[in-house]
Protein backbone atom coordinates (compact mmCIF):
# COMPACT_ATOMS: atom_id res chain seq x y z
CA MET A 1 5.38 -8.94 6.23
CA SER A 2 7.32 -9.12 9.49
CA GLU A 3 6.04 -7.42 12.59
CA PRO A 4 7.61 -4.02 13.44
CA ILE A 5 10.98 -4.26 15.10
CA VAL A 6 10.35 -4.41 18.83
CA ASP A 7 12.22 -5.01 22.09
CA GLY A 8 13.74 -8.46 22.22
CA GLN A 9 14.63 -8.47 18.54
CA VAL A 10 17.28 -6.58 16.59
CA THR A 11 16.44 -2.93 17.16
CA PRO A 12 16.42 -0.37 14.33
CA PHE A 13 19.31 1.44 15.95
CA GLU A 14 21.73 -1.50 15.98
CA MET A 15 23.28 -0.78 12.60
CA PRO A 16 26.84 -0.56 11.26
CA PRO A 17 28.43 2.91 11.40
CA ARG A 18 28.58 3.16 7.61
CA ALA A 19 24.87 2.38 7.29
CA PHE A 20 24.11 4.90 10.02
CA LEU A 21 26.02 7.61 8.18
CA LEU A 22 24.16 6.81 4.96
CA ALA A 23 20.84 7.15 6.74
CA MET A 24 21.86 10.43 8.36
CA ALA A 25 23.15 11.82 5.07
CA CYS A 26 19.94 10.85 3.31
CA VAL A 27 17.82 12.58 5.95
CA ALA A 28 19.91 15.72 5.88
CA ALA A 29 20.03 15.94 2.10
CA ALA A 30 16.50 15.14 1.05
CA GLY A 31 14.38 13.82 3.87
CA CYS A 32 14.72 10.37 2.22
CA SER A 33 11.58 10.92 0.21
CA GLY A 34 10.87 8.76 -2.82
CA GLY A 35 9.13 9.63 -6.06
CA ALA A 36 5.64 11.00 -6.57
CA GLY A 37 4.04 7.80 -5.31
CA HIS A 38 6.02 7.89 -2.08
CA SER A 39 5.26 11.55 -1.35
CA ARG A 40 1.53 10.90 -1.21
CA ALA A 41 1.89 8.24 1.49
CA ALA A 42 4.50 10.29 3.33
CA ALA A 43 2.20 13.33 3.32
CA ASP A 44 -0.51 11.27 5.02
CA GLU A 45 1.94 10.05 7.64
CA THR A 46 3.26 13.52 8.45
CA ALA A 47 -0.04 15.43 8.31
CA ASP A 48 0.13 16.15 12.05
CA VAL A 49 3.92 16.10 12.42
CA GLN A 50 6.10 19.18 12.63
CA LEU A 51 9.80 18.48 12.38
CA HIS A 52 12.10 21.49 12.68
CA ALA A 53 15.25 19.78 13.87
CA ARG A 54 18.43 18.23 12.60
CA PRO A 55 18.81 14.42 12.77
CA ASN A 56 18.57 13.35 16.39
CA VAL A 57 19.02 9.64 17.08
CA ALA A 58 17.80 9.85 20.69
CA ALA A 59 14.59 11.53 19.54
CA ALA A 60 14.25 9.04 16.69
CA ARG A 61 14.54 6.16 19.15
CA GLN A 62 11.78 7.62 21.32
CA LEU A 63 9.53 8.12 18.30
CA ASP A 64 10.20 4.55 17.20
CA GLN A 65 9.18 3.24 20.63
CA GLU A 66 5.98 5.29 20.49
CA GLY A 67 5.31 3.83 17.04
CA VAL A 68 5.72 0.28 18.31
CA GLN A 69 3.29 1.01 21.16
CA ARG A 70 0.70 2.52 18.82
CA PHE A 71 1.05 -0.52 16.53
CA ARG A 72 0.46 -2.89 19.45
CA GLU A 73 -2.66 -0.89 20.31
CA GLY A 74 -3.97 -1.24 16.78
CA ARG A 75 -3.58 2.47 16.05
CA TYR A 76 -1.84 1.92 12.75
CA ALA A 77 -2.21 5.41 11.27
CA ASP A 78 -0.52 6.91 14.32
CA ALA A 79 2.13 4.16 14.24
CA ALA A 80 2.95 5.06 10.63
CA ARG A 81 3.35 8.74 11.60
CA TYR A 82 5.72 7.88 14.45
CA PHE A 83 7.83 5.54 12.32
CA ARG A 84 8.03 8.08 9.49
CA ALA A 85 9.03 10.84 11.91
CA ALA A 86 11.65 8.57 13.48
CA TYR A 87 13.10 7.92 10.05
CA ARG A 88 13.25 11.61 9.21
CA LEU A 89 15.08 12.34 12.46
CA GLY A 90 17.86 9.84 11.74
CA GLY A 91 16.31 6.44 12.25
CA PRO A 92 17.50 3.63 9.97
CA SER A 93 15.88 2.25 6.85
CA SER A 94 13.99 -0.33 8.90
CA GLU A 95 11.64 2.47 9.97
CA LEU A 96 10.31 2.48 6.40
CA TRP A 97 9.59 -1.23 6.72
CA ASN A 98 7.60 -0.46 9.86
CA VAL A 99 5.69 2.26 8.00
CA ALA A 100 4.83 -0.24 5.26
CA ARG A 101 3.66 -2.77 7.84
CA SER A 102 1.40 -0.16 9.41
CA ARG A 103 -0.07 0.86 6.07
CA GLU A 104 -0.77 -2.75 5.19
CA ARG A 105 -2.71 -3.10 8.45
CA LEU A 106 -4.72 -0.06 7.33
CA ASP A 107 -5.68 -2.07 4.21
CA ASP A 108 -3.67 0.37 2.11
CA ALA A 109 -1.81 -2.06 -0.13
CA GLU A 110 -0.77 0.68 -2.57
CA GLY A 111 0.63 2.89 0.19
CA ALA A 112 2.44 -0.10 1.69
CA CYS A 113 3.93 -0.96 -1.70
CA ASP A 114 5.01 2.65 -2.29
CA THR A 115 6.83 2.61 1.04
CA ILE A 116 8.47 -0.75 0.31
CA ASP A 117 9.74 0.72 -2.97
CA GLU A 118 11.20 3.60 -0.94
CA TYR A 119 12.75 1.09 1.46
CA LEU A 120 14.27 -0.89 -1.43
CA ALA A 121 15.89 2.31 -2.75
CA GLN A 122 18.08 2.46 0.38
CA ARG A 123 21.65 1.22 0.05
CA ASP A 124 22.14 -0.20 3.53
CA LEU A 125 19.80 -3.22 3.28
CA SER A 126 21.13 -6.70 3.87
CA PRO A 127 20.49 -9.24 1.09
CA PRO A 128 17.90 -11.16 3.19
CA ASP A 129 16.04 -7.93 4.07
CA ARG A 130 16.03 -6.85 0.44
CA ALA A 131 14.79 -10.26 -0.74
CA GLU A 132 11.99 -10.25 1.84
CA ALA A 133 10.89 -6.75 0.83
CA GLU A 134 10.91 -7.69 -2.86
CA ARG A 135 8.73 -10.73 -2.11
CA GLU A 136 6.28 -8.62 -0.15
CA ALA A 137 6.06 -5.99 -2.90
CA ARG A 138 5.29 -8.71 -5.45
CA ALA A 139 2.62 -10.17 -3.18
CA LEU A 140 0.96 -6.78 -2.72
CA ARG A 141 0.95 -6.07 -6.44
CA SER A 142 -0.43 -9.52 -7.29
CA ARG A 143 -3.48 -9.28 -5.05
CA ALA A 144 -6.69 -10.17 -6.87
CA SER A 145 -9.60 -7.74 -6.94
CA VAL A 146 -13.29 -8.49 -6.60
CA VAL A 147 -15.48 -6.94 -9.28
CA THR A 148 -19.13 -6.48 -8.36
CA VAL A 149 -21.57 -5.80 -11.19
CA THR A 150 -25.10 -4.60 -10.54
CA THR A 151 -27.70 -3.65 -13.12
CA THR A 152 -31.09 -2.01 -13.21
CA PRO A 153 -33.07 -4.07 -13.95
CA ALA A 154 -31.27 -7.11 -12.52
CA GLY A 155 -30.74 -10.37 -14.37
CA ALA A 156 -28.05 -9.45 -16.91
CA LEU A 157 -25.22 -11.74 -18.03
CA VAL A 158 -21.62 -10.57 -17.65
CA THR A 159 -18.65 -11.50 -19.85
CA ILE A 160 -15.14 -10.72 -18.60
CA ASP A 161 -12.32 -10.46 -21.14
CA GLY A 162 -14.39 -12.25 -23.72
CA GLY A 163 -14.31 -15.56 -21.92
CA GLN A 164 -15.70 -15.82 -18.42
CA VAL A 165 -19.51 -15.60 -18.33
CA ALA A 166 -21.26 -15.00 -15.05
CA GLY A 167 -24.66 -13.95 -13.89
CA PRO A 168 -27.36 -13.13 -13.55
CA THR A 169 -26.58 -9.80 -11.94
CA PRO A 170 -25.95 -8.75 -9.27
CA ILE A 171 -22.73 -10.76 -9.14
CA SER A 172 -19.21 -10.57 -7.71
CA VAL A 173 -16.23 -12.07 -9.56
CA GLU A 174 -12.54 -12.20 -8.60
CA VAL A 175 -10.09 -10.98 -11.25
CA PRO A 176 -6.28 -10.83 -11.35
CA PRO A 177 -4.45 -7.49 -11.42
CA GLY A 178 -4.36 -5.66 -14.73
CA PRO A 179 -6.79 -4.29 -17.31
CA HIS A 180 -10.08 -6.07 -17.99
CA THR A 181 -13.05 -5.61 -20.30
CA ILE A 182 -16.54 -6.25 -18.95
CA VAL A 183 -19.53 -6.70 -21.26
CA VAL A 184 -23.04 -6.73 -19.79
CA ARG A 185 -26.00 -8.09 -21.77
CA ARG A 186 -29.69 -8.40 -21.01
CA ASP A 187 -32.54 -9.42 -23.27
CA GLY A 188 -34.09 -6.39 -24.89
CA ASN A 189 -31.12 -4.17 -24.18
CA ALA A 190 -27.94 -3.28 -26.06
CA ALA A 191 -24.68 -4.64 -24.65
CA GLU A 192 -22.80 -2.31 -22.33
CA THR A 193 -18.98 -2.40 -22.27
CA ARG A 194 -16.79 -1.12 -19.47
CA ARG A 195 -13.01 -1.22 -19.10
CA ILE A 196 -11.54 -1.49 -15.63
CA GLU A 197 -8.09 -1.70 -14.04
CA ALA A 198 -7.60 -4.09 -11.11
CA ARG A 199 -4.86 -2.90 -8.77
CA PHE A 200 -3.63 -3.92 -5.29
CA GLY A 201 -6.72 -6.00 -4.54
CA ARG A 202 -9.05 -2.99 -4.55
CA ALA A 203 -12.76 -3.72 -4.87
CA ILE A 204 -14.28 -2.53 -8.15
CA ILE A 205 -17.98 -1.73 -8.48
CA VAL A 206 -19.72 -1.44 -11.86
CA SER A 207 -23.33 -0.30 -11.62
CA LEU A 208 -25.30 0.07 -14.86
CA ASP A 209 -28.78 1.29 -15.70
CA LEU A 210 -29.88 -0.83 -18.66
CA GLY A 211 -33.36 0.64 -18.83
CA ASN A 212 -32.40 3.27 -21.44
CA ALA A 213 -30.13 1.05 -23.53
CA HIS A 214 -32.80 -0.48 -25.79
CA LYS A 215 -31.83 -2.06 -29.09
């Protein structure tokens, strides 16, 4: 994902008048919020923000600059709040891209993807910007997850989706996104089956007590 828009590059406020009016209308009408997934991320970003003003481009520019500074300092949660606030006060759609970049740096792939979806819902994106955002959303959604299986006692064998056998436990195995079935077997114990869902590269931990699962 590209770095936030900073001095020396095209600034968020250099946008065609029609695109500017679309952004302003969106802010005034609905705060440019997305669906349920977007509102969760937006709530985090505005937890300490109180906006009681009409769209104000000068204020939005200042908030954007503060966001860039916080990003450079590695304060990504604060950067996301500034970029979100700048967007709500009349900043352009690129502020959402900056929010997504900040959330990715926070290792929040799902929040970043939610914000990219919100960004893609805007009508003022150029074809290259839209294509880049679509590529990034696909990359975030295709991240593999690491599944760690531990058992008490240790030494069990693990089958994933009926094919891949690993072990003995404890073990860690990388799996692609999507649903998976894990079967754990150990001599003297009944097999234990667990179903998991790998999403956005999140780590998954399966910890089983096999001591009470006698045949």
